[in-house]
PDB file of N, CA and C in Angstrom:
ATOM      1  N   UNK A   1     -87.530   7.054  30.523  1.00  0.00           N
ATOM      2  CA  UNK A   1     -86.590   6.502  29.459  1.00  0.00           C
ATOM      3  C   UNK A   1     -87.076   4.925  28.923  1.00  0.00           C
ATOM      4  N   UNK A   2     -87.095   5.007  27.737  1.00  0.00           N
ATOM      5  CA  UNK A   2     -87.635   3.560  27.148  1.00  0.00           C
ATOM      6  C   UNK A   2     -86.522   2.902  26.344  1.00  0.00           C
ATOM      7  N   UNK A   3     -86.638   1.521  26.620  1.00  0.00           N
ATOM      8  CA  UNK A   3     -85.788   0.819  25.724  1.00  0.00           C
ATOM      9  C   UNK A   3     -86.694  -0.106  24.656  1.00  0.00           C
ATOM     10  N   UNK A   4     -86.035   0.160  23.437  1.00  0.00           N
ATOM     11  CA  UNK A   4     -86.564  -0.694  22.206  1.00  0.00           C
ATOM     12  C   UNK A   4     -85.939  -1.956  22.101  1.00  0.00           C
ATOM     13  N   UNK A   5     -86.479  -2.813  22.203  1.00  0.00           N
ATOM     14  CA  UNK A   5     -85.835  -4.414  21.990  1.00  0.00           C
ATOM     15  C   UNK A   5     -86.217  -4.911  20.485  1.00  0.00           C
ATOM     16  N   UNK A   6     -85.062  -4.951  19.890  1.00  0.00           N
ATOM     17  CA  UNK A   6     -85.195  -5.551  18.456  1.00  0.00           C
ATOM     18  C   UNK A   6     -84.850  -6.805  18.374  1.00  0.00           C
ATOM     19  N   UNK A   7     -85.744  -7.902  17.922  1.00  0.00           N
ATOM     20  CA  UNK A   7     -85.776  -9.091  17.880  1.00  0.00           C
ATOM     21  C   UNK A   7     -85.500  -9.539  16.254  1.00  0.00           C
ATOM     22  N   UNK A   8     -84.316  -9.695  15.859  1.00  0.00           N
ATOM     23  CA  UNK A   8     -84.370 -10.294  14.535  1.00  0.00           C
ATOM     24  C   UNK A   8     -84.718 -11.811  14.149  1.00  0.00           C
ATOM     25  N   UNK A   9     -85.366 -12.240  13.580  1.00  0.00           N
ATOM     26  CA  UNK A   9     -85.698 -13.612  13.411  1.00  0.00           C
ATOM     27  C   UNK A   9     -85.609 -14.419  12.260  1.00  0.00           C
ATOM     28  N   UNK A  10     -85.086 -15.405  12.500  1.00  0.00           N
ATOM     29  CA  UNK A  10     -84.909 -16.416  10.976  1.00  0.00           C
ATOM     30  C   UNK A  10     -85.043 -17.716  11.464  1.00  0.00           C
ATOM     31  N   UNK A  11     -86.309 -18.453  11.186  1.00  0.00           N
ATOM     32  CA  UNK A  11     -86.267 -19.793  11.552  1.00  0.00           C
ATOM     33  C   UNK A  11     -85.886 -20.142  12.898  1.00  0.00           C
ATOM     34  N   UNK A  12     -86.991 -19.739  13.910  1.00  0.00           N
ATOM     35  CA  UNK A  12     -86.733 -19.792  15.132  1.00  0.00           C
ATOM     36  C   UNK A  12     -87.930 -20.231  15.735  1.00  0.00           C
ATOM     37  N   UNK A  13     -88.717 -21.446  15.024  1.00  0.00           N
ATOM     38  CA  UNK A  13     -89.893 -21.793  15.721  1.00  0.00           C
ATOM     39  C   UNK A  13     -89.752 -22.296  16.957  1.00  0.00           C
ATOM     40  N   UNK A  14     -88.738 -22.869  17.336  1.00  0.00           N
ATOM     41  CA  UNK A  14     -88.711 -23.657  18.509  1.00  0.00           C
ATOM     42  C   UNK A  14     -88.520 -22.708  19.791  1.00  0.00           C
ATOM     43  N   UNK A  15     -88.032 -21.400  19.414  1.00  0.00           N
ATOM     44  CA  UNK A  15     -87.680 -20.683  20.633  1.00  0.00           C
ATOM     45  C   UNK A  15     -88.722 -19.230  20.499  1.00  0.00           C
ATOM     46  N   UNK A  16     -89.272 -18.915  19.694  1.00  0.00           N
ATOM     47  CA  UNK A  16     -89.575 -17.470  19.304  1.00  0.00           C
ATOM     48  C   UNK A  16     -90.832 -17.072  20.481  1.00  0.00           C
ATOM     49  N   UNK A  17     -91.479 -18.103  20.512  1.00  0.00           N
ATOM     50  CA  UNK A  17     -92.607 -17.792  21.647  1.00  0.00           C
ATOM     51  C   UNK A  17     -91.987 -17.538  23.286  1.00  0.00           C
ATOM     52  N   UNK A  18     -90.945 -18.489  23.251  1.00  0.00           N
ATOM     53  CA  UNK A  18     -90.210 -18.311  24.687  1.00  0.00           C
ATOM     54  C   UNK A  18     -89.523 -16.959  24.584  1.00  0.00           C
ATOM     55  N   UNK A  19     -88.971 -16.627  23.700  1.00  0.00           N
ATOM     56  CA  UNK A  19     -88.084 -15.174  23.861  1.00  0.00           C
ATOM     57  C   UNK A  19     -88.980 -14.022  24.144  1.00  0.00           C
ATOM     58  N   UNK A  20     -90.055 -14.192  23.251  1.00  0.00           N
ATOM     59  CA  UNK A  20     -90.792 -13.030  23.275  1.00  0.00           C
ATOM     60  C   UNK A  20     -91.590 -12.988  24.578  1.00  0.00           C
ATOM     61  N   UNK A  21     -91.997 -14.115  25.374  1.00  0.00           N
ATOM     62  CA  UNK A  21     -92.606 -14.148  26.777  1.00  0.00           C
ATOM     63  C   UNK A  21     -91.482 -13.588  27.802  1.00  0.00           C
ATOM     64  N   UNK A  22     -90.234 -14.001  27.301  1.00  0.00           N
ATOM     65  CA  UNK A  22     -89.174 -13.684  28.331  1.00  0.00           C
ATOM     66  C   UNK A  22     -88.849 -12.043  28.436  1.00  0.00           C
ATOM     67  N   UNK A  23     -88.965 -11.416  27.231  1.00  0.00           N
ATOM     68  CA  UNK A  23     -88.823 -10.253  26.916  1.00  0.00           C
ATOM     69  C   UNK A  23     -90.099  -9.493  27.483  1.00  0.00           C
ATOM     70  N   UNK A  24     -91.300  -9.682  27.291  1.00  0.00           N
ATOM     71  CA  UNK A  24     -92.226  -9.179  27.924  1.00  0.00           C
ATOM     72  C   UNK A  24     -92.206  -9.352  29.624  1.00  0.00           C
ATOM     73  N   UNK A  25     -91.608 -10.293  30.073  1.00  0.00           N
ATOM     74  CA  UNK A  25     -91.840 -10.477  31.512  1.00  0.00           C
ATOM     75  C   UNK A  25     -90.806  -9.457  32.325  1.00  0.00           C
ATOM     76  N   UNK A  26     -89.908  -8.776  31.670  1.00  0.00           N
ATOM     77  CA  UNK A  26     -89.008  -7.795  32.286  1.00  0.00           C
ATOM     78  C   UNK A  26     -89.978  -6.609  32.417  1.00  0.00           C
ATOM     79  N   UNK A  27     -90.361  -6.520  33.819  1.00  0.00           N
ATOM     80  CA  UNK A  27     -91.186  -5.476  34.257  1.00  0.00           C
ATOM     81  C   UNK A  27     -90.618  -4.236  34.726  1.00  0.00           C
ATOM     82  N   UNK A  28     -89.269  -4.164  34.998  1.00  0.00           N
ATOM     83  CA  UNK A  28     -88.791  -3.012  35.579  1.00  0.00           C
ATOM     84  C   UNK A  28     -88.376  -1.954  34.472  1.00  0.00           C
ATOM     85  N   UNK A  29     -88.590  -2.118  33.380  1.00  0.00           N
ATOM     86  CA  UNK A  29     -88.127  -1.043  32.190  1.00  0.00           C
ATOM     87  C   UNK A  29     -89.294  -0.921  31.442  1.00  0.00           C
ATOM     88  N   UNK A  30     -89.557   0.494  30.954  1.00  0.00           N
ATOM     89  CA  UNK A  30     -90.453   0.777  30.098  1.00  0.00           C
ATOM     90  C   UNK A  30     -90.077   0.419  28.622  1.00  0.00           C
ATOM     91  N   UNK A  31     -90.497  -0.492  27.972  1.00  0.00           N
ATOM     92  CA  UNK A  31     -90.048  -1.111  26.848  1.00  0.00           C
ATOM     93  C   UNK A  31     -91.117  -1.298  25.650  1.00  0.00           C
ATOM     94  N   UNK A  32     -90.599  -0.982  24.343  1.00  0.00           N
ATOM     95  CA  UNK A  32     -91.255  -1.549  23.059  1.00  0.00           C
ATOM     96  C   UNK A  32     -90.318  -2.798  22.544  1.00  0.00           C
ATOM     97  N   UNK A  33     -91.161  -3.706  21.920  1.00  0.00           N
ATOM     98  CA  UNK A  33     -90.734  -4.709  21.541  1.00  0.00           C
ATOM     99  C   UNK A  33     -90.876  -4.739  19.860  1.00  0.00           C
ATOM    100  N   UNK A  34     -89.897  -4.788  18.902  1.00  0.00           N
ATOM    101  CA  UNK A  34     -89.987  -4.940  17.505  1.00  0.00           C
ATOM    102  C   UNK A  34     -89.431  -6.159  16.985  1.00  0.00           C
ATOM    103  N   UNK A  35     -90.175  -6.916  16.706  1.00  0.00           N
ATOM    104  CA  UNK A  35     -89.828  -8.322  15.971  1.00  0.00           C
ATOM    105  C   UNK A  35     -89.663  -8.006  14.238  1.00  0.00           C
ATOM    106  N   UNK A  36     -88.567  -8.534  13.784  1.00  0.00           N
ATOM    107  CA  UNK A  36     -88.475  -8.471  12.266  1.00  0.00           C
ATOM    108  C   UNK A  36     -88.148  -9.874  11.743  1.00  0.00           C
ATOM    109  N   UNK A  37     -89.193 -10.620  11.169  1.00  0.00           N
ATOM    110  CA  UNK A  37     -88.889 -11.877  10.344  1.00  0.00           C
ATOM    111  C   UNK A  37     -88.102 -11.569   9.205  1.00  0.00           C
ATOM    112  N   UNK A  38     -87.071 -12.408   9.292  1.00  0.00           N
ATOM    113  CA  UNK A  38     -86.417 -12.525   7.571  1.00  0.00           C
ATOM    114  C   UNK A  38     -86.745 -13.501   6.610  1.00  0.00           C
ATOM    115  N   UNK A  39     -87.940 -13.743   6.483  1.00  0.00           N
ATOM    116  CA  UNK A  39     -88.392 -14.400   5.408  1.00  0.00           C
ATOM    117  C   UNK A  39     -88.274 -15.976   5.975  1.00  0.00           C
ATOM    118  N   UNK A  40     -88.681 -16.259   7.216  1.00  0.00           N
ATOM    119  CA  UNK A  40     -88.475 -17.639   7.819  1.00  0.00           C
ATOM    120  C   UNK A  40     -89.326 -18.514   6.951  1.00  0.00           C
ATOM    121  N   UNK A  41     -88.705 -19.741   6.951  1.00  0.00           N
ATOM    122  CA  UNK A  41     -89.300 -20.953   5.941  1.00  0.00           C
ATOM    123  C   UNK A  41     -89.721 -21.974   6.974  1.00  0.00           C
ATOM    124  N   UNK A  42     -89.762 -21.920   8.108  1.00  0.00           N
ATOM    125  CA  UNK A  42     -89.926 -23.157   9.047  1.00  0.00           C
ATOM    126  C   UNK A  42     -90.993 -23.109   9.846  1.00  0.00           C
ATOM    127  N   UNK A  43     -91.999 -22.273   9.406  1.00  0.00           N
ATOM    128  CA  UNK A  43     -93.204 -22.054  10.253  1.00  0.00           C
ATOM    129  C   UNK A  43     -93.077 -20.814  11.435  1.00  0.00           C
ATOM    130  N   UNK A  44     -92.187 -20.098  11.333  1.00  0.00           N
ATOM    131  CA  UNK A  44     -91.793 -19.165  12.425  1.00  0.00           C
ATOM    132  C   UNK A  44     -92.907 -18.193  12.096  1.00  0.00           C
ATOM    133  N   UNK A  45     -92.875 -17.796  10.721  1.00  0.00           N
ATOM    134  CA  UNK A  45     -93.793 -16.572  10.078  1.00  0.00           C
ATOM    135  C   UNK A  45     -95.195 -16.915  10.728  1.00  0.00           C
ATOM    136  N   UNK A  46     -95.774 -18.119  10.650  1.00  0.00           N
ATOM    137  CA  UNK A  46     -96.974 -18.463  11.023  1.00  0.00           C
ATOM    138  C   UNK A  46     -97.356 -18.048  12.595  1.00  0.00           C
ATOM    139  N   UNK A  47     -96.197 -18.562  13.426  1.00  0.00           N
ATOM    140  CA  UNK A  47     -96.427 -18.499  14.815  1.00  0.00           C
ATOM    141  C   UNK A  47     -96.515 -16.965  15.079  1.00  0.00           C
ATOM    142  N   UNK A  48     -95.518 -16.151  14.487  1.00  0.00           N
ATOM    143  CA  UNK A  48     -95.572 -14.699  14.672  1.00  0.00           C
ATOM    144  C   UNK A  48     -96.758 -14.068  14.277  1.00  0.00           C
ATOM    145  N   UNK A  49     -97.215 -14.419  13.296  1.00  0.00           N
ATOM    146  CA  UNK A  49     -98.572 -13.953  12.760  1.00  0.00           C
ATOM    147  C   UNK A  49     -99.590 -14.282  13.777  1.00  0.00           C
ATOM    148  N   UNK A  50     -99.798 -15.295  14.778  1.00  0.00           N
ATOM    149  CA  UNK A  50    -100.440 -15.715  15.679  1.00  0.00           C
ATOM    150  C   UNK A  50    -100.374 -14.850  16.834  1.00  0.00           C
ATOM    151  N   UNK A  51     -98.950 -14.504  17.112  1.00  0.00           N
ATOM    152  CA  UNK A  51     -98.605 -13.761  18.315  1.00  0.00           C
ATOM    153  C   UNK A  51     -99.058 -12.199  17.964  1.00  0.00           C
ATOM    154  N   UNK A  52     -98.954 -11.748  16.774  1.00  0.00           N
ATOM    155  CA  UNK A  52     -99.306 -10.533  16.304  1.00  0.00           C
ATOM    156  C   UNK A  52    -100.809 -10.142  16.868  1.00  0.00           C
ATOM    157  N   UNK A  53    -101.445 -10.955  16.849  1.00  0.00           N
ATOM    158  CA  UNK A  53    -102.993 -11.119  17.076  1.00  0.00           C
ATOM    159  C   UNK A  53    -103.250 -10.775  18.479  1.00  0.00           C
ATOM    160  N   UNK A  54    -102.522 -11.765  19.097  1.00  0.00           N
ATOM    161  CA  UNK A  54    -102.809 -11.684  20.651  1.00  0.00           C
ATOM    162  C   UNK A  54    -101.857 -10.621  21.500  1.00  0.00           C
ATOM    163  N   UNK A  55    -100.927 -10.095  20.458  1.00  0.00           N
ATOM    164  CA  UNK A  55     -99.857  -9.266  21.198  1.00  0.00           C
ATOM    165  C   UNK A  55     -99.736  -7.625  20.524  1.00  0.00           C
ATOM    166  N   UNK A  56    -101.046  -7.147  20.431  1.00  0.00           N
ATOM    167  CA  UNK A  56    -101.054  -5.839  19.555  1.00  0.00           C
ATOM    168  C   UNK A  56     -99.964  -4.660  20.074  1.00  0.00           C
ATOM    169  N   UNK A  57     -99.389  -4.752  21.158  1.00  0.00           N
ATOM    170  CA  UNK A  57     -98.346  -3.742  21.472  1.00  0.00           C
ATOM    171  C   UNK A  57     -96.899  -3.924  21.070  1.00  0.00           C
ATOM    172  N   UNK A  58     -96.942  -5.245  20.368  1.00  0.00           N
ATOM    173  CA  UNK A  58     -95.465  -5.506  19.846  1.00  0.00           C
ATOM    174  C   UNK A  58     -95.635  -5.173  18.278  1.00  0.00           C
ATOM    175  N   UNK A  59     -94.579  -4.587  18.068  1.00  0.00           N
ATOM    176  CA  UNK A  59     -94.488  -4.165  16.466  1.00  0.00           C
ATOM    177  C   UNK A  59     -93.842  -5.445  15.631  1.00  0.00           C
ATOM    178  N   UNK A  60     -94.682  -5.994  14.856  1.00  0.00           N
ATOM    179  CA  UNK A  60     -94.121  -7.115  13.757  1.00  0.00           C
ATOM    180  C   UNK A  60     -93.954  -6.649  12.525  1.00  0.00           C
ATOM    181  N   UNK A  61     -92.897  -7.097  11.934  1.00  0.00           N
ATOM    182  CA  UNK A  61     -92.641  -6.638  10.532  1.00  0.00           C
ATOM    183  C   UNK A  61     -92.112  -8.236   9.746  1.00  0.00           C
ATOM    184  N   UNK A  62     -92.623  -8.471   8.286  1.00  0.00           N
ATOM    185  CA  UNK A  62     -92.392  -9.416   7.745  1.00  0.00           C
ATOM    186  C   UNK A  62     -91.628  -9.073   6.491  1.00  0.00           C
ATOM    187  N   UNK A  63     -90.452  -9.647   6.110  1.00  0.00           N
ATOM    188  CA  UNK A  63     -89.869  -9.429   5.042  1.00  0.00           C
ATOM    189  C   UNK A  63     -90.103 -10.404   4.040  1.00  0.00           C
ATOM    190  N   UNK A  64     -90.364 -10.281   2.746  1.00  0.00           N
ATOM    191  CA  UNK A  64     -90.788 -11.372   1.711  1.00  0.00           C
ATOM    192  C   UNK A  64     -89.475 -12.112   1.336  1.00  0.00           C
ATOM    193  N   UNK A  65     -88.270 -11.448   1.599  1.00  0.00           N
ATOM    194  CA  UNK A  65     -87.020 -11.978   0.888  1.00  0.00           C
ATOM    195  C   UNK A  65     -85.849 -12.247   1.992  1.00  0.00           C
ATOM    196  N   UNK A  66     -85.536 -13.165   2.215  1.00  0.00           N
ATOM    197  CA  UNK A  66     -84.320 -13.434   3.144  1.00  0.00           C
ATOM    198  C   UNK A  66     -83.287 -12.289   2.599  1.00  0.00           C
ATOM    199  N   UNK A  67     -82.527 -11.460   3.585  1.00  0.00           N
ATOM    200  CA  UNK A  67     -81.650 -10.700   3.231  1.00  0.00           C
ATOM    201  C   UNK A  67     -80.618 -10.687   4.213  1.00  0.00           C
ATOM    202  N   UNK A  68     -80.542 -11.341   5.369  1.00  0.00           N
ATOM    203  CA  UNK A  68     -79.602 -11.361   6.206  1.00  0.00           C
ATOM    204  C   UNK A  68     -79.924 -10.571   7.538  1.00  0.00           C
ATOM    205  N   UNK A  69     -79.094 -11.010   8.439  1.00  0.00           N
ATOM    206  CA  UNK A  69     -79.185 -10.397   9.921  1.00  0.00           C
ATOM    207  C   UNK A  69     -79.030  -8.788   9.980  1.00  0.00           C
ATOM    208  N   UNK A  70     -78.088  -8.358   9.036  1.00  0.00           N
ATOM    209  CA  UNK A  70     -77.526  -6.932   9.172  1.00  0.00           C
ATOM    210  C   UNK A  70     -78.742  -6.069   8.424  1.00  0.00           C
ATOM    211  N   UNK A  71     -79.203  -6.503   7.541  1.00  0.00           N
ATOM    212  CA  UNK A  71     -80.592  -5.589   6.793  1.00  0.00           C
ATOM    213  C   UNK A  71     -81.763  -5.985   7.687  1.00  0.00           C
ATOM    214  N   UNK A  72     -81.920  -7.153   8.305  1.00  0.00           N
ATOM    215  CA  UNK A  72     -82.986  -7.184   9.038  1.00  0.00           C
ATOM    216  C   UNK A  72     -82.854  -6.286  10.427  1.00  0.00           C
ATOM    217  N   UNK A  73     -81.899  -6.046  11.097  1.00  0.00           N
ATOM    218  CA  UNK A  73     -81.697  -5.199  12.144  1.00  0.00           C
ATOM    219  C   UNK A  73     -81.817  -3.887  11.666  1.00  0.00           C
ATOM    220  N   UNK A  74     -81.301  -3.626  10.705  1.00  0.00           N
ATOM    221  CA  UNK A  74     -81.591  -2.089   9.928  1.00  0.00           C
ATOM    222  C   UNK A  74     -82.993  -1.841   9.979  1.00  0.00           C
ATOM    223  N   UNK A  75     -83.900  -2.838   9.450  1.00  0.00           N
ATOM    224  CA  UNK A  75     -85.062  -2.423   9.170  1.00  0.00           C
ATOM    225  C   UNK A  75     -85.849  -2.456  10.767  1.00  0.00           C
ATOM    226  N   UNK A  76     -85.265  -3.189  11.482  1.00  0.00           N
ATOM    227  CA  UNK A  76     -86.013  -3.166  13.037  1.00  0.00           C
ATOM    228  C   UNK A  76     -85.569  -1.722  13.753  1.00  0.00           C
ATOM    229  N   UNK A  77     -84.215  -1.295  13.657  1.00  0.00           N
ATOM    230  CA  UNK A  77     -83.769  -0.299  14.252  1.00  0.00           C
ATOM    231  C   UNK A  77     -84.575   1.074  13.638  1.00  0.00           C
ATOM    232  N   UNK A  78     -84.962   1.038  12.339  1.00  0.00           N
ATOM    233  CA  UNK A  78     -85.633   2.063  11.709  1.00  0.00           C
ATOM    234  C   UNK A  78     -87.063   2.198  12.430  1.00  0.00           C
ATOM    235  N   UNK A  79     -87.505   1.160  13.056  1.00  0.00           N
ATOM    236  CA  UNK A  79     -88.935   1.285  13.584  1.00  0.00           C
ATOM    237  C   UNK A  79     -89.039   1.674  15.079  1.00  0.00           C
ATOM    238  N   UNK A  80     -87.878   1.860  15.687  1.00  0.00           N
ATOM    239  CA  UNK A  80     -87.629   1.803  17.074  1.00  0.00           C
ATOM    240  C   UNK A  80     -88.260   3.518  17.687  1.00  0.00           C
ATOM    241  N   UNK A  81     -88.516   3.685  18.876  1.00  0.00           N
ATOM    242  CA  UNK A  81     -88.784   5.002  19.282  1.00  0.00           C
ATOM    243  C   UNK A  81     -88.126   5.133  20.652  1.00  0.00           C
ATOM    244  N   UNK A  82     -87.341   4.117  21.412  1.00  0.00           N
ATOM    245  CA  UNK A  82     -86.808   4.289  22.669  1.00  0.00           C
ATOM    246  C   UNK A  82     -85.744   5.270  22.719  1.00  0.00           C
ATOM    247  N   UNK A  83     -85.253   5.459  23.861  1.00  0.00           N
ATOM    248  CA  UNK A  83     -84.233   6.162  24.170  1.00  0.00           C
ATOM    249  C   UNK A  83     -82.859   5.310  23.969  1.00  0.00           C
ATOM    250  N   UNK A  84     -83.147   3.912  24.327  1.00  0.00           N
ATOM    251  CA  UNK A  84     -81.990   2.955  23.997  1.00  0.00           C
ATOM    252  C   UNK A  84     -82.689   1.970  22.967  1.00  0.00           C
ATOM    253  N   UNK A  85     -81.656   1.212  22.461  1.00  0.00           N
ATOM    254  CA  UNK A  85     -81.832   0.043  21.594  1.00  0.00           C
ATOM    255  C   UNK A  85     -80.968  -1.101  21.955  1.00  0.00           C
ATOM    256  N   UNK A  86     -81.534  -2.346  22.101  1.00  0.00           N
ATOM    257  CA  UNK A  86     -80.910  -3.474  22.394  1.00  0.00           C
ATOM    258  C   UNK A  86     -81.360  -4.497  21.449  1.00  0.00           C
ATOM    259  N   UNK A  87     -80.481  -5.328  20.750  1.00  0.00           N
ATOM    260  CA  UNK A  87     -80.611  -6.348  20.081  1.00  0.00           C
ATOM    261  C   UNK A  87     -80.763  -7.849  21.043  1.00  0.00           C
ATOM    262  N   UNK A  88     -82.035  -8.447  20.801  1.00  0.00           N
ATOM    263  CA  UNK A  88     -82.290  -9.593  21.565  1.00  0.00           C
ATOM    264  C   UNK A  88     -82.338 -10.908  20.342  1.00  0.00           C
ATOM    265  N   UNK A  89     -81.514 -11.668  20.385  1.00  0.00           N
ATOM    266  CA  UNK A  89     -81.403 -12.622  19.441  1.00  0.00           C
ATOM    267  C   UNK A  89     -82.645 -13.772  19.901  1.00  0.00           C
ATOM    268  N   UNK A  90     -83.332 -14.329  19.010  1.00  0.00           N
ATOM    269  CA  UNK A  90     -84.138 -15.286  19.207  1.00  0.00           C
ATOM    270  C   UNK A  90     -84.016 -16.628  19.591  1.00  0.00           C
ATOM    271  N   UNK A  91     -82.874 -16.854  19.847  1.00  0.00           N
ATOM    272  CA  UNK A  91     -82.213 -18.324  20.205  1.00  0.00           C
ATOM    273  C   UNK A  91     -82.174 -18.720  21.665  1.00  0.00           C
ATOM    274  N   UNK A  92     -82.539 -17.653  22.420  1.00  0.00           N
ATOM    275  CA  UNK A  92     -82.314 -17.887  24.004  1.00  0.00           C
ATOM    276  C   UNK A  92     -81.046 -17.770  24.696  1.00  0.00           C
ATOM    277  N   UNK A  93     -80.112 -17.198  23.634  1.00  0.00           N
ATOM    278  CA  UNK A  93     -78.606 -17.055  24.258  1.00  0.00           C
ATOM    279  C   UNK A  93     -78.507 -15.918  25.058  1.00  0.00           C
ATOM    280  N   UNK A  94     -79.083 -15.051  25.065  1.00  0.00           N
ATOM    281  CA  UNK A  94     -78.937 -13.797  26.249  1.00  0.00           C
ATOM    282  C   UNK A  94     -80.316 -13.834  26.894  1.00  0.00           C
ATOM    283  N   UNK A  95     -80.172 -13.401  28.229  1.00  0.00           N
ATOM    284  CA  UNK A  95     -81.254 -13.280  29.179  1.00  0.00           C
ATOM    285  C   UNK A  95     -81.768 -11.734  29.224  1.00  0.00           C
ATOM    286  N   UNK A  96     -82.891 -11.813  29.055  1.00  0.00           N
ATOM    287  CA  UNK A  96     -83.569 -10.356  28.968  1.00  0.00           C
ATOM    288  C   UNK A  96     -83.507  -9.837  30.514  1.00  0.00           C
ATOM    289  N   UNK A  97     -83.371 -10.508  31.368  1.00  0.00           N
ATOM    290  CA  UNK A  97     -83.358 -10.198  32.653  1.00  0.00           C
ATOM    291  C   UNK A  97     -81.961  -9.121  33.066  1.00  0.00           C
ATOM    292  N   UNK A  98     -81.046  -9.390  31.913  1.00  0.00           N
ATOM    293  CA  UNK A  98     -79.739  -8.357  32.198  1.00  0.00           C
ATOM    294  C   UNK A  98     -79.833  -7.096  31.706  1.00  0.00           C
ATOM    295  N   UNK A  99     -81.144  -6.855  31.060  1.00  0.00           N
ATOM    296  CA  UNK A  99     -81.449  -5.353  30.633  1.00  0.00           C
ATOM    297  C   UNK A  99     -81.070  -4.155  31.584  1.00  0.00           C
ATOM    298  N   UNK A 100     -81.834  -4.538  32.778  1.00  0.00           N
ATOM    299  CA  UNK A 100     -81.459  -3.726  33.629  1.00  0.00           C
ATOM    300  C   UNK A 100     -80.124  -3.208  34.086  1.00  0.00           C
ATOM    301  N   UNK A 101     -79.333  -4.403  34.086  1.00  0.00           N
ATOM    302  CA  UNK A 101     -77.852  -3.909  34.353  1.00  0.00           C
ATOM    303  C   UNK A 101     -77.204  -2.907  33.212  1.00  0.00           C
ATOM    304  N   UNK A 102     -77.544  -3.600  31.895  1.00  0.00           N
ATOM    305  CA  UNK A 102     -77.152  -2.727  30.620  1.00  0.00           C
ATOM    306  C   UNK A 102     -77.697  -1.409  30.931  1.00  0.00           C
ATOM    307  N   UNK A 103     -78.866  -0.997  30.993  1.00  0.00           N
ATOM    308  CA  UNK A 103     -79.237   0.369  31.186  1.00  0.00           C
ATOM    309  C   UNK A 103     -78.850   1.001  32.489  1.00  0.00           C
ATOM    310  N   UNK A 104     -78.535   0.353  33.495  1.00  0.00           N
ATOM    311  CA  UNK A 104     -77.889   1.212  34.467  1.00  0.00           C
ATOM    312  C   UNK A 104     -76.445   1.641  34.325  1.00  0.00           C
ATOM    313  N   UNK A 105     -75.923   0.728  33.282  1.00  0.00           N
ATOM    314  CA  UNK A 105     -74.469   0.982  33.066  1.00  0.00           C
ATOM    315  C   UNK A 105     -74.408   2.376  32.264  1.00  0.00           C
ATOM    316  N   UNK A 106     -75.697   2.454  31.215  1.00  0.00           N
ATOM    317  CA  UNK A 106     -75.665   3.418  30.216  1.00  0.00           C
ATOM    318  C   UNK A 106     -76.076   4.880  30.919  1.00  0.00           C
ATOM    319  N   UNK A 107     -76.874   4.758  31.985  1.00  0.00           N
ATOM    320  CA  UNK A 107     -77.350   6.070  32.697  1.00  0.00           C
ATOM    321  C   UNK A 107     -76.492   6.287  33.623  1.00  0.00           C
ATOM    322  N   UNK A 108     -75.889   5.548  34.427  1.00  0.00           N
ATOM    323  CA  UNK A 108     -75.128   5.926  35.687  1.00  0.00           C
ATOM    324  C   UNK A 108     -73.553   6.414  35.257  1.00  0.00           C
ATOM    325  N   UNK A 109     -73.157   5.674  33.981  1.00  0.00           N
ATOM    326  CA  UNK A 109     -71.632   5.787  33.533  1.00  0.00           C
ATOM    327  C   UNK A 109     -71.637   6.803  32.362  1.00  0.00           C
ATOM    328  N   UNK A 110     -72.829   7.353  32.007  1.00  0.00           N
ATOM    329  CA  UNK A 110     -73.060   8.504  31.006  1.00  0.00           C
ATOM    330  C   UNK A 110     -72.282   8.086  29.769  1.00  0.00           C
ATOM    331  N   UNK A 111     -72.402   6.671  29.207  1.00  0.00           N
ATOM    332  CA  UNK A 111     -71.560   6.240  28.129  1.00  0.00           C
ATOM    333  C   UNK A 111     -72.667   6.270  26.959  1.00  0.00           C
ATOM    334  N   UNK A 112     -72.313   5.926  25.872  1.00  0.00           N
ATOM    335  CA  UNK A 112     -72.964   5.923  24.426  1.00  0.00           C
ATOM    336  C   UNK A 112     -73.380   4.501  23.992  1.00  0.00           C
ATOM    337  N   UNK A 113     -72.556   3.584  24.832  1.00  0.00           N
ATOM    338  CA  UNK A 113     -72.662   2.247  24.128  1.00  0.00           C
ATOM    339  C   UNK A 113     -72.212   1.385  25.356  1.00  0.00           C
ATOM    340  N   UNK A 114     -73.115   0.137  25.563  1.00  0.00           N
ATOM    341  CA  UNK A 114     -72.417  -0.850  26.492  1.00  0.00           C
ATOM    342  C   UNK A 114     -72.816  -2.372  25.576  1.00  0.00           C
ATOM    343  N   UNK A 115     -71.627  -3.013  25.899  1.00  0.00           N
ATOM    344  CA  UNK A 115     -71.777  -4.115  25.073  1.00  0.00           C
ATOM    345  C   UNK A 115     -71.864  -5.403  26.393  1.00  0.00           C
ATOM    346  N   UNK A 116     -72.798  -6.216  26.254  1.00  0.00           N
ATOM    347  CA  UNK A 116     -72.904  -7.353  27.193  1.00  0.00           C
ATOM    348  C   UNK A 116     -72.081  -8.537  26.785  1.00  0.00           C
ATOM    349  N   UNK A 117     -71.374  -9.210  27.440  1.00  0.00           N
ATOM    350  CA  UNK A 117     -70.943 -10.707  27.061  1.00  0.00           C
ATOM    351  C   UNK A 117     -71.405 -11.718  28.088  1.00  0.00           C
ATOM    352  N   UNK A 118     -71.708 -12.759  27.697  1.00  0.00           N
ATOM    353  CA  UNK A 118     -72.143 -14.043  28.259  1.00  0.00           C
ATOM    354  C   UNK A 118     -70.878 -14.442  29.022  1.00  0.00           C
ATOM    355  N   UNK A 119     -69.406 -14.314  28.547  1.00  0.00           N
ATOM    356  CA  UNK A 119     -68.202 -14.759  28.972  1.00  0.00           C
ATOM    357  C   UNK A 119     -67.539 -14.117  30.174  1.00  0.00           C
ATOM    358  N   UNK A 120     -68.112 -12.710  30.414  1.00  0.00           N
ATOM    359  CA  UNK A 120     -67.636 -12.155  31.533  1.00  0.00           C
ATOM    360  C   UNK A 120     -68.495 -11.630  32.644  1.00  0.00           C
TER     361      UNK A 120
END
């Protein structure tokens, strides 16, 4: 079973390296990482270009025109090959260490979707 982690990015220069590092550090799941930059203007694109060179296993995509999170996610979803897909925002709000719990719910309860909440 493989998890596709789609990271939509727009102007996240202060957190993008950290979130990619945290996602990569989740070792107990076979995963692919798909990063889609929505035409960032704050230097995020330059950071991602550097990471692209040192992380060839990560799929990086760069949009020329900002078109919003929905369009960015759609592009990311179209590039996934995993059995499951999760959205990981780049702002460090969600903890990648929770992936295991979400996947367990999907596989054990045989459901089609699981929504995580930081409030419950």
